[in-house]
Amino acid sequence: MMPSTHKKIRAFTPLIPLVCGTFLLISATIAGGKQSVDDAEHEAIQYTKSTPTDPISQLQKAIDAGKINLDFDAKNGYLRSVLKHLNILPSSQTLVFSKTSLQRERISPHAPRALYFNDETYIGWVQDSPLLEVSTTDPQLGATFYLLEQRKVGKPRFVRQTYECLQCHSGSLTGGVPGHIVRSVYPRADGQPEYRAGTMLTTDQSPLSERWGGWYVTGKHGANRHMGNVFARGEEEITLDKNAGANVTSLANIVETSPYLTPNSDIVALMVLGHQVNIHNYITRANYQTRLALHYEQMLNKELGRPVDARLESTLSRIKSVCEPLLRAILFCKEESLLSPIVGTSGFAEAFAQQGKRDKQGRSLHEFELQHRLFRYPCSYLIYSPEFDALPPLAKSYLYRRLWEVFEEKETNPDFAHLTSSLRRTIRDILIDTKPDFATSRPKGKPLPLTK
């Protein structure tokens, strides 16, 4: 099972890998890490031996073929050009100042690390660093990691990172698969995390009061409180003055932002980041475990002299065990409710909302609600992702069947109580218009009427 999505991780001894291409907050010791790396290297997966088809590998092919040239500038290196070619919004910028990554010596409250992302790829930029950090998502492999040297050359090269990054990014905190992690810490004034106070994973289920410790946060959020913009105090009892960091709309009096692409660390971008990192990990876990279950089934059938495609009940049970958590994550089950409306500062919310596929009535899963919850229609836009589409057919058909059961109100589990009849029908209709394979998966029987 995935750990609780807002689980507090108690005190541990920090371990920083020597080389790691990830930009997200790095955990220290990962229980079960060795076993998960073994799973990634299983012959059904072959994480390090497989050739990635992720967005970075495709960009590298275009660079090598002379179809794309990355522009270099003295201020940000290849950053602007990389974002442009990957269609990553500069307004997605968030700033993290805790010393919790590969380049911890270069990161501080005075020189935070900037993170930029779209639905598939995450870029980390640090002032005066010789490296651009990249984490992306491969349809079959899950999270893949790269470094790009910040030096002007004819054909820049993204260099893939594997075992070093998997030390932290394939363990219990990622569901036992190569994945991404967003963490919240109690940061001291120098950016060093106070590990004695513990750390928290950040997802859409996390209480806002446990999010973004060690990050800058810009935006209005009323009565909601978070851990951003402030530093830990005390020795025996470690505290944060959350009121002091609340409703900050400008970082001008906190940190010099002129080196960055924008002066913001947008609260809406931070909320989206926490949501999609969690979904990516669930999708990868469903992919891996389904492939491993099918591989085991084929081997067992061969040993017993049965048809290679004979279906075992245990296979279906394993698929259910990883697809049900993914289903609930996609439908925002147990999402943390907002106490007050959320308003960002960078224009990210407006730009993000324009990117989504729209149904015949102009509705999109990218639309925000931000009054009581994150999205207007509680179904993750990552259902359109290449990673979701690459799920093994058995897993994907299971998820579609369960989605229809929810939308047609045949599923009455309290976990789905947040989905009113109107929301269920609307989400269903959006998917019918925008996701053809979902539309054709409609089960037999009389469906509910379309929404008006």
Foldseek 3Di string as FASTA:
>chain_A
DAPDQWDWFAFDDADAFQDAQDDAFFDRAFPALVVLVVLCCPPLHNQPVDDFPWPQVVVLVCLVVVNDWQDQDPLFQSVVRVCVVVVWDLLLWWWFQAQGHNPSVQGWLQWTWIWIDDLFKIWIGTGPDQWIGIWGQGLRQFIWTWIWGRDDDSRTDTHTDPPSNSSGQAHSNLVRGRAHWHKAFAAANGNYGPNNHTMTTFALLHQQQRPDHRIQEAWAAPPRWHNHPWHWDDDPDTDTPRVVRHNHHFCPVRYDCVSGPDRHNWPLSRHVVRLSRNLSSLLNNLQSQLSVLLVVQQVVCVVVVHPSPDDDPVSLVSNCVSLVVSLLSQQCQNRQWGPAAIGIRRCVLVVQLVPADAFPVGDGQSAADRGTGGHPQRGDSCCPPSNVVSRPPVNNLVSLVVLQCVLQVVDDPVSSVVQDNLSSLVVLRGCLRGPVVSVVSDDDDDGDDHDD
